C-alpha atoms as a PDB file:
ATOM      1  CA  UNK A   1      21.974  14.613 -16.246  1.00  0.00           C
ATOM      2  CA  UNK A   2      22.173  11.035 -15.199  1.00  0.00           C
ATOM      3  CA  UNK A   3      19.004   9.953 -12.786  1.00  0.00           C
ATOM      4  CA  UNK A   4      21.537   7.948 -10.499  1.00  0.00           C
ATOM      5  CA  UNK A   5      19.500   7.070  -7.520  1.00  0.00           C
ATOM      6  CA  UNK A   6      20.044   4.310  -4.559  1.00  0.00           C
ATOM      7  CA  UNK A   7      17.545   2.183  -6.266  1.00  0.00           C
ATOM      8  CA  UNK A   8      18.990   2.488 -10.121  1.00  0.00           C
ATOM      9  CA  UNK A   9      22.379   1.631  -8.072  1.00  0.00           C
ATOM     10  CA  UNK A  10      21.121  -1.414  -6.107  1.00  0.00           C
ATOM     11  CA  UNK A  11      19.910  -3.341  -9.082  1.00  0.00           C
ATOM     12  CA  UNK A  12      22.467  -1.830 -11.660  1.00  0.00           C
ATOM     13  CA  UNK A  13      19.977  -0.165 -13.773  1.00  0.00           C
ATOM     14  CA  UNK A  14      20.200   2.720 -15.900  1.00  0.00           C
ATOM     15  CA  UNK A  15      16.768   4.644 -15.061  1.00  0.00           C
ATOM     16  CA  UNK A  16      14.916   4.787 -12.047  1.00  0.00           C
ATOM     17  CA  UNK A  17      11.719   3.193 -13.394  1.00  0.00           C
ATOM     18  CA  UNK A  18      10.235   0.085 -12.394  1.00  0.00           C
ATOM     19  CA  UNK A  19       7.239  -2.008 -14.092  1.00  0.00           C
ATOM     20  CA  UNK A  20       4.332  -2.509 -11.674  1.00  0.00           C
ATOM     21  CA  UNK A  21       3.956  -6.193 -11.023  1.00  0.00           C
ATOM     22  CA  UNK A  22       0.351  -6.056 -12.540  1.00  0.00           C
ATOM     23  CA  UNK A  23      -1.158  -9.642 -11.851  1.00  0.00           C
ATOM     24  CA  UNK A  24      -1.784 -11.558 -15.352  1.00  0.00           C
ATOM     25  CA  UNK A  25      -1.199  -8.400 -17.623  1.00  0.00           C
ATOM     26  CA  UNK A  26       2.784  -7.575 -16.316  1.00  0.00           C
ATOM     27  CA  UNK A  27       3.980 -10.861 -18.261  1.00  0.00           C
ATOM     28  CA  UNK A  28       7.374 -12.031 -19.328  1.00  0.00           C
ATOM     29  CA  UNK A  29       7.668 -10.285 -22.680  1.00  0.00           C
ATOM     30  CA  UNK A  30       6.798  -6.953 -20.624  1.00  0.00           C
ATOM     31  CA  UNK A  31       9.150  -7.301 -18.096  1.00  0.00           C
ATOM     32  CA  UNK A  32      12.096  -8.548 -20.330  1.00  0.00           C
ATOM     33  CA  UNK A  33      10.981  -5.303 -22.270  1.00  0.00           C
ATOM     34  CA  UNK A  34      11.147  -2.788 -19.367  1.00  0.00           C
ATOM     35  CA  UNK A  35      14.510  -4.105 -18.057  1.00  0.00           C
ATOM     36  CA  UNK A  36      15.965  -4.046 -21.926  1.00  0.00           C
ATOM     37  CA  UNK A  37      14.990  -0.419 -21.961  1.00  0.00           C
ATOM     38  CA  UNK A  38      16.756   0.373 -18.982  1.00  0.00           C
ATOM     39  CA  UNK A  39      14.444   0.020 -16.106  1.00  0.00           C
ATOM     40  CA  UNK A  40      13.347  -2.585 -13.641  1.00  0.00           C
ATOM     41  CA  UNK A  41      10.875  -4.972 -15.018  1.00  0.00           C
ATOM     42  CA  UNK A  42       9.047  -7.151 -12.275  1.00  0.00           C
ATOM     43  CA  UNK A  43       6.689 -10.015 -13.122  1.00  0.00           C
ATOM     44  CA  UNK A  44       3.259  -9.693 -12.114  1.00  0.00           C
ATOM     45  CA  UNK A  45       2.708 -13.485 -10.917  1.00  0.00           C
ATOM     46  CA  UNK A  46      -0.329 -12.419  -8.380  1.00  0.00           C
ATOM     47  CA  UNK A  47      -1.201 -15.673  -6.321  1.00  0.00           C
ATOM     48  CA  UNK A  48       1.112 -17.484  -8.081  1.00  0.00           C
ATOM     49  CA  UNK A  49      -0.539 -19.807 -10.592  1.00  0.00           C
ATOM     50  CA  UNK A  50       2.159 -22.186 -11.166  1.00  0.00           C
ATOM     51  CA  UNK A  51       1.120 -22.887 -15.380  1.00  0.00           C
ATOM     52  CA  UNK A  52       0.988 -19.414 -15.809  1.00  0.00           C
ATOM     53  CA  UNK A  53       4.543 -18.747 -14.148  1.00  0.00           C
ATOM     54  CA  UNK A  54       5.746 -21.710 -15.895  1.00  0.00           C
ATOM     55  CA  UNK A  55       4.862 -20.015 -19.397  1.00  0.00           C
ATOM     56  CA  UNK A  56       6.071 -16.309 -18.739  1.00  0.00           C
ATOM     57  CA  UNK A  57       9.636 -16.879 -16.610  1.00  0.00           C
ATOM     58  CA  UNK A  58      11.371 -18.473 -19.824  1.00  0.00           C
ATOM     59  CA  UNK A  59      10.676 -14.860 -21.503  1.00  0.00           C
ATOM     60  CA  UNK A  60      12.983 -13.162 -18.744  1.00  0.00           C
ATOM     61  CA  UNK A  61      15.343 -16.117 -17.799  1.00  0.00           C
ATOM     62  CA  UNK A  62      16.291 -16.639 -21.179  1.00  0.00           C
ATOM     63  CA  UNK A  63      16.994 -12.556 -22.149  1.00  0.00           C
ATOM     64  CA  UNK A  64      20.468 -12.434 -21.429  1.00  0.00           C
ATOM     65  CA  UNK A  65      21.188 -11.318 -17.932  1.00  0.00           C
ATOM     66  CA  UNK A  66      18.852  -8.610 -17.790  1.00  0.00           C
ATOM     67  CA  UNK A  67      17.805  -7.304 -13.715  1.00  0.00           C
ATOM     68  CA  UNK A  68      14.266  -8.338 -13.138  1.00  0.00           C
ATOM     69  CA  UNK A  69      12.206  -9.262 -10.454  1.00  0.00           C
ATOM     70  CA  UNK A  70       8.924 -11.026  -9.844  1.00  0.00           C
ATOM     71  CA  UNK A  71       5.913  -9.690  -7.286  1.00  0.00           C
ATOM     72  CA  UNK A  72       3.275 -11.846  -5.587  1.00  0.00           C
ATOM     73  CA  UNK A  73       0.038 -10.676  -3.847  1.00  0.00           C
ATOM     74  CA  UNK A  74       1.147 -11.714  -0.576  1.00  0.00           C
ATOM     75  CA  UNK A  75      -2.433 -12.239   1.148  1.00  0.00           C
ATOM     76  CA  UNK A  76      -2.609 -15.107  -1.657  1.00  0.00           C
ATOM     77  CA  UNK A  77       0.509 -17.069  -2.553  1.00  0.00           C
ATOM     78  CA  UNK A  78       2.328 -19.696  -0.523  1.00  0.00           C
ATOM     79  CA  UNK A  79       5.721 -19.937   0.345  1.00  0.00           C
ATOM     80  CA  UNK A  80       6.368 -23.105  -2.183  1.00  0.00           C
ATOM     81  CA  UNK A  81       5.634 -20.682  -5.125  1.00  0.00           C
ATOM     82  CA  UNK A  82       8.029 -17.986  -3.874  1.00  0.00           C
ATOM     83  CA  UNK A  83      10.672 -20.769  -3.593  1.00  0.00           C
ATOM     84  CA  UNK A  84      10.029 -21.797  -6.989  1.00  0.00           C
ATOM     85  CA  UNK A  85      10.266 -18.502  -8.198  1.00  0.00           C
ATOM     86  CA  UNK A  86      13.427 -17.789  -6.646  1.00  0.00           C
ATOM     87  CA  UNK A  87      14.610 -21.066  -8.308  1.00  0.00           C
ATOM     88  CA  UNK A  88      14.945 -18.748 -11.514  1.00  0.00           C
ATOM     89  CA  UNK A  89      17.376 -16.180 -10.127  1.00  0.00           C
ATOM     90  CA  UNK A  90      15.402 -12.895  -9.954  1.00  0.00           C
ATOM     91  CA  UNK A  91      17.058 -10.319  -8.540  1.00  0.00           C
ATOM     92  CA  UNK A  92      14.055  -9.084  -6.391  1.00  0.00           C
ATOM     93  CA  UNK A  93      10.925 -10.272  -5.096  1.00  0.00           C
ATOM     94  CA  UNK A  94       8.236  -7.818  -4.533  1.00  0.00           C
ATOM     95  CA  UNK A  95       5.423  -8.496  -2.212  1.00  0.00           C
ATOM     96  CA  UNK A  96       2.142  -6.056  -1.954  1.00  0.00           C
ATOM     97  CA  UNK A  97      -1.052  -6.601   0.137  1.00  0.00           C
ATOM     98  CA  UNK A  98      -0.314  -8.362   3.471  1.00  0.00           C
ATOM     99  CA  UNK A  99       2.459  -9.406   6.180  1.00  0.00           C
ATOM    100  CA  UNK A 100       5.701 -10.017   3.941  1.00  0.00           C
ATOM    101  CA  UNK A 101       7.279 -11.588   7.387  1.00  0.00           C
ATOM    102  CA  UNK A 102       6.614 -14.974   6.625  1.00  0.00           C
ATOM    103  CA  UNK A 103       8.807 -14.825   3.345  1.00  0.00           C
ATOM    104  CA  UNK A 104      11.323 -12.393   4.191  1.00  0.00           C
ATOM    105  CA  UNK A 105      14.163 -14.619   5.418  1.00  0.00           C
ATOM    106  CA  UNK A 106      13.655 -17.231   2.517  1.00  0.00           C
ATOM    107  CA  UNK A 107      13.841 -14.061   0.074  1.00  0.00           C
ATOM    108  CA  UNK A 108      17.103 -13.174   1.234  1.00  0.00           C
ATOM    109  CA  UNK A 109      18.539 -16.680   2.053  1.00  0.00           C
ATOM    110  CA  UNK A 110      18.421 -17.276  -1.754  1.00  0.00           C
ATOM    111  CA  UNK A 111      20.266 -13.896  -2.510  1.00  0.00           C
ATOM    112  CA  UNK A 112      17.196 -11.912  -3.814  1.00  0.00           C
ATOM    113  CA  UNK A 113      16.323  -8.083  -2.925  1.00  0.00           C
ATOM    114  CA  UNK A 114      13.030  -7.880  -0.720  1.00  0.00           C
ATOM    115  CA  UNK A 115      10.724  -5.108  -2.311  1.00  0.00           C
ATOM    116  CA  UNK A 116       7.433  -4.468  -0.227  1.00  0.00           C
ATOM    117  CA  UNK A 117       4.591  -2.467  -1.610  1.00  0.00           C
ATOM    118  CA  UNK A 118       2.919  -0.178   1.184  1.00  0.00           C
ATOM    119  CA  UNK A 119      -0.553   1.249   1.016  1.00  0.00           C
ATOM    120  CA  UNK A 120      -0.417   3.107   4.715  1.00  0.00           C
ATOM    121  CA  UNK A 121       2.106   4.032   7.564  1.00  0.00           C
ATOM    122  CA  UNK A 122       1.433   0.989   9.617  1.00  0.00           C
ATOM    123  CA  UNK A 123       2.202  -0.985   6.526  1.00  0.00           C
ATOM    124  CA  UNK A 124       5.575   0.874   5.867  1.00  0.00           C
ATOM    125  CA  UNK A 125       6.577   0.260   9.255  1.00  0.00           C
ATOM    126  CA  UNK A 126       6.109  -3.577   8.809  1.00  0.00           C
ATOM    127  CA  UNK A 127       8.173  -3.540   5.993  1.00  0.00           C
ATOM    128  CA  UNK A 128      11.171  -1.738   7.590  1.00  0.00           C
ATOM    129  CA  UNK A 129      10.594  -4.245  10.821  1.00  0.00           C
ATOM    130  CA  UNK A 130      10.990  -7.255   8.327  1.00  0.00           C
ATOM    131  CA  UNK A 131      14.053  -5.734   6.498  1.00  0.00           C
ATOM    132  CA  UNK A 132      12.788  -4.483   2.993  1.00  0.00           C
ATOM    133  CA  UNK A 133      15.598  -3.305   0.825  1.00  0.00           C
ATOM    134  CA  UNK A 134      13.213  -1.312  -1.481  1.00  0.00           C
ATOM    135  CA  UNK A 135       9.877   0.035  -0.231  1.00  0.00           C
ATOM    136  CA  UNK A 136       6.908   1.003  -2.628  1.00  0.00           C
ATOM    137  CA  UNK A 137       4.933   3.828  -0.985  1.00  0.00           C
ATOM    138  CA  UNK A 138       1.367   3.245  -3.247  1.00  0.00           C
ATOM    139  CA  UNK A 139      -0.891   6.345  -3.267  1.00  0.00           C
ATOM    140  CA  UNK A 140      -4.678   5.567  -3.742  1.00  0.00           C
ATOM    141  CA  UNK A 141      -4.398   7.556  -7.743  1.00  0.00           C
ATOM    142  CA  UNK A 142      -3.173   4.129  -8.867  1.00  0.00           C
ATOM    143  CA  UNK A 143      -5.133   1.582 -11.030  1.00  0.00           C
ATOM    144  CA  UNK A 144      -5.983  -1.899  -9.731  1.00  0.00           C
ATOM    145  CA  UNK A 145      -6.316  -2.705  -6.140  1.00  0.00           C
ATOM    146  CA  UNK A 146      -5.159  -0.303  -3.406  1.00  0.00           C
ATOM    147  CA  UNK A 147      -6.201   0.780   0.140  1.00  0.00           C
ATOM    148  CA  UNK A 148      -9.661   1.357   0.891  1.00  0.00           C
ATOM    149  CA  UNK A 149      -8.564   4.089   3.534  1.00  0.00           C
ATOM    150  CA  UNK A 150      -4.855   5.383   2.063  1.00  0.00           C
ATOM    151  CA  UNK A 151      -3.008   8.491   1.083  1.00  0.00           C
ATOM    152  CA  UNK A 152      -2.842  10.403  -1.977  1.00  0.00           C
ATOM    153  CA  UNK A 153       0.590   9.639  -3.624  1.00  0.00           C
ATOM    154  CA  UNK A 154       1.819  13.103  -3.009  1.00  0.00           C
ATOM    155  CA  UNK A 155       1.367  13.365   0.835  1.00  0.00           C
ATOM    156  CA  UNK A 156       2.184   9.730   1.443  1.00  0.00           C
ATOM    157  CA  UNK A 157       5.129   9.396  -0.190  1.00  0.00           C
ATOM    158  CA  UNK A 158       7.514  12.006   1.774  1.00  0.00           C
ATOM    159  CA  UNK A 159       5.717  10.314   4.920  1.00  0.00           C
ATOM    160  CA  UNK A 160       7.444   6.899   3.644  1.00  0.00           C
ATOM    161  CA  UNK A 161      10.793   8.108   2.783  1.00  0.00           C
ATOM    162  CA  UNK A 162      11.053   9.571   5.921  1.00  0.00           C
ATOM    163  CA  UNK A 163       9.780   6.666   8.167  1.00  0.00           C
ATOM    164  CA  UNK A 164      12.305   4.084   6.085  1.00  0.00           C
ATOM    165  CA  UNK A 165      15.340   6.171   5.914  1.00  0.00           C
ATOM    166  CA  UNK A 166      18.209   5.031   4.539  1.00  0.00           C
ATOM    167  CA  UNK A 167      15.966   2.353   2.784  1.00  0.00           C
ATOM    168  CA  UNK A 168      15.112   3.361  -0.867  1.00  0.00           C
ATOM    169  CA  UNK A 169      11.679   4.274  -1.315  1.00  0.00           C
ATOM    170  CA  UNK A 170       9.634   4.070  -4.872  1.00  0.00           C
ATOM    171  CA  UNK A 171       6.669   6.193  -5.365  1.00  0.00           C
ATOM    172  CA  UNK A 172       3.656   4.678  -6.984  1.00  0.00           C
ATOM    173  CA  UNK A 173      -0.013   5.812  -7.747  1.00  0.00           C
ATOM    174  CA  UNK A 174      -1.261   7.924 -10.676  1.00  0.00           C
ATOM    175  CA  UNK A 175       2.493   8.421 -12.368  1.00  0.00           C
ATOM    176  CA  UNK A 176       2.050   7.898 -16.159  1.00  0.00           C
ATOM    177  CA  UNK A 177       4.614  10.136 -17.758  1.00  0.00           C
ATOM    178  CA  UNK A 178       8.241  11.425 -16.971  1.00  0.00           C
ATOM    179  CA  UNK A 179       6.939  14.568 -15.210  1.00  0.00           C
ATOM    180  CA  UNK A 180       5.630  12.111 -12.576  1.00  0.00           C
ATOM    181  CA  UNK A 181       9.029  10.206 -12.440  1.00  0.00           C
ATOM    182  CA  UNK A 182      10.453  13.520 -11.814  1.00  0.00           C
ATOM    183  CA  UNK A 183       8.165  14.516  -9.115  1.00  0.00           C
ATOM    184  CA  UNK A 184       8.741  11.336  -7.216  1.00  0.00           C
ATOM    185  CA  UNK A 185      12.349  11.875  -7.272  1.00  0.00           C
ATOM    186  CA  UNK A 186      11.708  15.600  -6.141  1.00  0.00           C
ATOM    187  CA  UNK A 187       9.478  14.156  -3.033  1.00  0.00           C
ATOM    188  CA  UNK A 188      12.780  12.340  -2.011  1.00  0.00           C
ATOM    189  CA  UNK A 189      11.953   8.921  -3.373  1.00  0.00           C
ATOM    190  CA  UNK A 190      14.683   6.716  -5.223  1.00  0.00           C
ATOM    191  CA  UNK A 191      12.176   5.899  -8.613  1.00  0.00           C
ATOM    192  CA  UNK A 192       8.581   5.253  -9.555  1.00  0.00           C
ATOM    193  CA  UNK A 193       6.914   2.318 -10.186  1.00  0.00           C
ATOM    194  CA  UNK A 194       4.255   2.614 -13.115  1.00  0.00           C
ATOM    195  CA  UNK A 195       1.501   0.268 -13.610  1.00  0.00           C
ATOM    196  CA  UNK A 196      -1.333   1.609 -15.944  1.00  0.00           C
ATOM    197  CA  UNK A 197       1.287   3.337 -18.593  1.00  0.00           C
ATOM    198  CA  UNK A 198       2.542   0.395 -18.946  1.00  0.00           C
ATOM    199  CA  UNK A 199      -0.462  -1.864 -19.763  1.00  0.00           C
ATOM    200  CA  UNK A 200      -0.855   0.308 -22.861  1.00  0.00           C
ATOM    201  CA  UNK A 201       2.043  -1.089 -24.485  1.00  0.00           C
ATOM    202  CA  UNK A 202       2.433  -3.776 -27.650  1.00  0.00           C
ATOM    203  CA  UNK A 203       4.148  -6.431 -24.996  1.00  0.00           C
ATOM    204  CA  UNK A 204       1.348  -6.117 -22.314  1.00  0.00           C
ATOM    205  CA  UNK A 205      -0.923  -9.347 -21.716  1.00  0.00           C
ATOM    206  CA  UNK A 206      -4.315  -7.187 -21.869  1.00  0.00           C
ATOM    207  CA  UNK A 207      -6.707  -7.754 -24.577  1.00  0.00           C
ATOM    208  CA  UNK A 208      -6.620  -5.117 -26.983  1.00  0.00           C
ATOM    209  CA  UNK A 209      -9.969  -3.631 -26.607  1.00  0.00           C
ATOM    210  CA  UNK A 210      -8.582  -3.329 -22.890  1.00  0.00           C
ATOM    211  CA  UNK A 211      -5.560  -1.206 -24.303  1.00  0.00           C
ATOM    212  CA  UNK A 212      -7.506   1.160 -26.476  1.00  0.00           C
ATOM    213  CA  UNK A 213      -9.724   2.307 -23.547  1.00  0.00           C
ATOM    214  CA  UNK A 214      -6.950   2.970 -21.641  1.00  0.00           C
ATOM    215  CA  UNK A 215      -5.567   5.315 -24.174  1.00  0.00           C
ATOM    216  CA  UNK A 216      -9.009   6.979 -24.575  1.00  0.00           C
ATOM    217  CA  UNK A 217      -9.962   6.951 -20.758  1.00  0.00           C
ATOM    218  CA  UNK A 218      -9.954  10.006 -18.537  1.00  0.00           C
ATOM    219  CA  UNK A 219      -9.065  10.007 -14.844  1.00  0.00           C
ATOM    220  CA  UNK A 220     -12.526  11.355 -14.181  1.00  0.00           C
ATOM    221  CA  UNK A 221     -13.967   7.977 -15.543  1.00  0.00           C
ATOM    222  CA  UNK A 222     -12.122   5.901 -13.113  1.00  0.00           C
ATOM    223  CA  UNK A 223     -13.600   5.002  -9.722  1.00  0.00           C
ATOM    224  CA  UNK A 224     -12.419   2.960  -6.475  1.00  0.00           C
ATOM    225  CA  UNK A 225     -14.765   0.250  -5.316  1.00  0.00           C
ATOM    226  CA  UNK A 226     -15.031  -3.577  -4.614  1.00  0.00           C
ATOM    227  CA  UNK A 227     -18.365  -4.072  -6.669  1.00  0.00           C
ATOM    228  CA  UNK A 228     -16.294  -5.548  -9.191  1.00  0.00           C
ATOM    229  CA  UNK A 229     -14.300  -8.114  -7.050  1.00  0.00           C
ATOM    230  CA  UNK A 230     -17.478  -8.981  -5.253  1.00  0.00           C
ATOM    231  CA  UNK A 231     -19.177  -9.440  -8.705  1.00  0.00           C
ATOM    232  CA  UNK A 232     -16.286 -11.935 -10.098  1.00  0.00           C
ATOM    233  CA  UNK A 233     -16.253 -13.881  -6.700  1.00  0.00           C
ATOM    234  CA  UNK A 234     -12.495 -12.737  -5.971  1.00  0.00           C
ATOM    235  CA  UNK A 235     -11.124 -13.470  -2.552  1.00  0.00           C
ATOM    236  CA  UNK A 236      -9.513 -10.398  -2.269  1.00  0.00           C
ATOM    237  CA  UNK A 237      -9.368  -8.956   1.013  1.00  0.00           C
ATOM    238  CA  UNK A 238     -11.973  -5.987   1.747  1.00  0.00           C
ATOM    239  CA  UNK A 239      -9.601  -3.658   2.819  1.00  0.00           C
ATOM    240  CA  UNK A 240      -8.210  -3.463  -0.511  1.00  0.00           C
ATOM    241  CA  UNK A 241     -10.616  -1.991  -3.618  1.00  0.00           C
ATOM    242  CA  UNK A 242      -9.514  -1.470  -7.125  1.00  0.00           C
ATOM    243  CA  UNK A 243      -9.507   1.276  -9.209  1.00  0.00           C
ATOM    244  CA  UNK A 244     -11.037   0.765 -12.807  1.00  0.00           C
ATOM    245  CA  UNK A 245     -12.466   2.662 -15.516  1.00  0.00           C
ATOM    246  CA  UNK A 246     -16.400   2.639 -15.619  1.00  0.00           C
ATOM    247  CA  UNK A 247     -17.886  -0.728 -15.717  1.00  0.00           C
ATOM    248  CA  UNK A 248     -22.059  -1.170 -16.319  1.00  0.00           C
ATOM    249  CA  UNK A 249     -21.998  -3.523 -12.904  1.00  0.00           C
ATOM    250  CA  UNK A 250     -20.716  -0.838 -11.237  1.00  0.00           C
ATOM    251  CA  UNK A 251     -23.394   1.851 -12.213  1.00  0.00           C
ATOM    252  CA  UNK A 252     -25.685  -0.953 -11.096  1.00  0.00           C
ATOM    253  CA  UNK A 253     -24.497  -1.744  -7.591  1.00  0.00           C
ATOM    254  CA  UNK A 254     -22.378   1.337  -6.947  1.00  0.00           C
ATOM    255  CA  UNK A 255     -22.268   1.696  -2.987  1.00  0.00           C
ATOM    256  CA  UNK A 256     -24.454  -1.600  -2.900  1.00  0.00           C
ATOM    257  CA  UNK A 257     -21.206  -3.811  -1.932  1.00  0.00           C
ATOM    258  CA  UNK A 258     -22.854  -5.391   1.125  1.00  0.00           C
ATOM    259  CA  UNK A 259     -26.231  -5.846  -0.772  1.00  0.00           C
ATOM    260  CA  UNK A 260     -24.267  -7.204  -3.597  1.00  0.00           C
ATOM    261  CA  UNK A 261     -22.391  -9.958  -1.170  1.00  0.00           C
ATOM    262  CA  UNK A 262     -25.928 -11.162  -0.045  1.00  0.00           C
ATOM    263  CA  UNK A 263     -27.501 -11.388  -3.384  1.00  0.00           C
ATOM    264  CA  UNK A 264     -26.124 -14.951  -5.674  1.00  0.00           C
ATOM    265  CA  UNK A 265     -28.722 -13.970  -8.350  1.00  0.00           C
ATOM    266  CA  UNK A 266     -26.936 -10.648  -8.793  1.00  0.00           C
ATOM    267  CA  UNK A 267     -23.741 -12.679  -9.139  1.00  0.00           C
ATOM    268  CA  UNK A 268     -25.047 -15.083 -11.483  1.00  0.00           C
ATOM    269  CA  UNK A 269     -26.251 -12.384 -13.643  1.00  0.00           C
ATOM    270  CA  UNK A 270     -22.799 -10.638 -13.965  1.00  0.00           C
ATOM    271  CA  UNK A 271     -20.998 -14.220 -14.855  1.00  0.00           C
ATOM    272  CA  UNK A 272     -24.413 -14.807 -17.607  1.00  0.00           C
ATOM    273  CA  UNK A 273     -23.748 -11.146 -19.011  1.00  0.00           C
ATOM    274  CA  UNK A 274     -20.144 -11.804 -19.359  1.00  0.00           C
ATOM    275  CA  UNK A 275     -20.804 -14.728 -20.963  1.00  0.00           C
ATOM    276  CA  UNK A 276     -23.099 -13.455 -23.445  1.00  0.00           C
ATOM    277  CA  UNK A 277     -20.805 -10.934 -24.536  1.00  0.00           C
ATOM    278  CA  UNK A 278     -22.931  -8.090 -22.645  1.00  0.00           C
ATOM    279  CA  UNK A 279     -20.405  -7.182 -19.986  1.00  0.00           C
ATOM    280  CA  UNK A 280     -16.436  -6.932 -20.107  1.00  0.00           C
ATOM    281  CA  UNK A 281     -14.871 -10.222 -19.140  1.00  0.00           C
ATOM    282  CA  UNK A 282     -12.535  -8.281 -17.320  1.00  0.00           C
ATOM    283  CA  UNK A 283     -12.529  -4.968 -15.323  1.00  0.00           C
ATOM    284  CA  UNK A 284     -10.125  -2.422 -17.105  1.00  0.00           C
ATOM    285  CA  UNK A 285      -7.433  -1.577 -14.110  1.00  0.00           C
ATOM    286  CA  UNK A 286      -6.532   2.268 -14.633  1.00  0.00           C
ATOM    287  CA  UNK A 287      -4.933   5.009 -12.545  1.00  0.00           C
ATOM    288  CA  UNK A 288      -6.240   8.604 -12.659  1.00  0.00           C
ATOM    289  CA  UNK A 289      -3.367   9.392 -14.625  1.00  0.00           C
ATOM    290  CA  UNK A 290      -4.622   7.793 -17.680  1.00  0.00           C
ATOM    291  CA  UNK A 291      -5.362  10.898 -19.467  1.00  0.00           C
ATOM    292  CA  UNK A 292      -1.631  10.844 -19.608  1.00  0.00           C
ATOM    293  CA  UNK A 293      -1.827   7.773 -22.242  1.00  0.00           C
ATOM    294  CA  UNK A 294      -2.487   8.234 -25.827  1.00  0.00           C
ATOM    295  CA  UNK A 295      -0.239   5.731 -27.718  1.00  0.00           C
ATOM    296  CA  UNK A 296       0.603   2.092 -27.388  1.00  0.00           C
ATOM    297  CA  UNK A 297       4.369   1.768 -27.761  1.00  0.00           C
ATOM    298  CA  UNK A 298       7.136  -0.719 -26.956  1.00  0.00           C
ATOM    299  CA  UNK A 299       7.810  -0.768 -23.693  1.00  0.00           C
ATOM    300  CA  UNK A 300      12.060  -0.678 -24.145  1.00  0.00           C
ATOM    301  CA  UNK A 301      11.161   2.852 -26.054  1.00  0.00           C
ATOM    302  CA  UNK A 302       8.825   3.906 -23.356  1.00  0.00           C
ATOM    303  CA  UNK A 303      11.308   3.580 -20.684  1.00  0.00           C
ATOM    304  CA  UNK A 304      13.768   5.770 -22.559  1.00  0.00           C
ATOM    305  CA  UNK A 305      11.260   8.491 -23.433  1.00  0.00           C
ATOM    306  CA  UNK A 306      10.059   8.540 -19.828  1.00  0.00           C
ATOM    307  CA  UNK A 307      13.485   8.848 -18.211  1.00  0.00           C
ATOM    308  CA  UNK A 308      14.438  11.515 -21.078  1.00  0.00           C
ATOM    309  CA  UNK A 309      11.336  13.527 -19.997  1.00  0.00           C
ATOM    310  CA  UNK A 310      12.157  12.926 -16.059  1.00  0.00           C
ATOM    311  CA  UNK A 311      15.461  14.637 -16.812  1.00  0.00           C
ATOM    312  CA  UNK A 312      13.582  17.678 -18.942  1.00  0.00           C
ATOM    313  CA  UNK A 313      11.627  18.195 -15.881  1.00  0.00           C
ATOM    314  CA  UNK A 314      13.983  18.103 -13.539  1.00  0.00           C
ATOM    315  CA  UNK A 315      15.989  20.647 -15.180  1.00  0.00           C
ATOM    316  CA  UNK A 316      13.390  22.923 -15.528  1.00  0.00           C
ATOM    317  CA  UNK A 317      12.907  22.964 -12.151  1.00  0.00           C
ATOM    318  CA  UNK A 318      16.486  23.381 -11.367  1.00  0.00           C
ATOM    319  CA  UNK A 319      18.336  22.419  -7.723  1.00  0.00           C
ATOM    320  CA  UNK A 320      17.121  18.702  -7.284  1.00  0.00           C
ATOM    321  CA  UNK A 321      19.838  16.435  -7.856  1.00  0.00           C
ATOM    322  CA  UNK A 322      18.728  12.932  -8.405  1.00  0.00           C
ATOM    323  CA  UNK A 323      21.388  11.250  -6.793  1.00  0.00           C
ATOM    324  CA  UNK A 324      20.924  12.950  -3.311  1.00  0.00           C
ATOM    325  CA  UNK A 325      19.959  10.822  -0.363  1.00  0.00           C
ATOM    326  CA  UNK A 326      16.389  10.791   0.610  1.00  0.00           C
ATOM    327  CA  UNK A 327      15.069  12.171   3.436  1.00  0.00           C
ATOM    328  CA  UNK A 328      14.502  15.501   5.444  1.00  0.00           C
END
């Protein structure tokens, strides 16, 4: 059973599986590996650090005509950086966490598809209004940043599917194996976007200790908070919190975000703790599906394994045809 959907047809890929553009960790090698495996790799450019992009883009631009994209944090990037990335010929630009409007026309003018990640219904409506070619509906189970007052993946995805039709929708948030991909298709999505699962691969730009923490982690050990953003001096907007594995500073400042923000000595204590090695240098971003991750494979092999597991899950369920159009 081929998992052919509007998403696979749009980008000419074999599997309805996309790499979440995790800032800093979804580098060029991981992006290229996902695309070589038959999925759609999306480079995690974050706020658009030009030196980082200059080092990572050659890994995908020199990988033999693979379909790939680049993703930015919309609140942090400028149009000049997006234009520079477009010069390298990505098939798509993905925008997350902010208004995509100022970038939409220039992305389309460059011949790239516009992918917009949304965390609530208002953002979904805005994505439709600006003409998104693909919409990613992110549930709160996902690792890393997401909506403080968002919805879980299961109820959120079909709402966006219905609102956006006929625009293809990808499901995101807590999906870490092929059964989750199958569930996304059953909800009417055209595929799934995975983050935490791809962090635990050989090609990901993550510290080995962080990758091992993901392999050993449990969903109940994750929590969503702004504490670590405040402690690190991150400029992330307050409406977006981050889901991470446990951290000593979280234990100390849980539910005291405003107090931490007003305490410069506490933030200095965080920096000192990192410098001494008493605190991890970075949070371990991880979604609630982390229990399903128990190895560190190549992303090339992982994509195929996820697709095969999804096919088996759909065959067991019966009745759903992956190529069917989404919607009620």
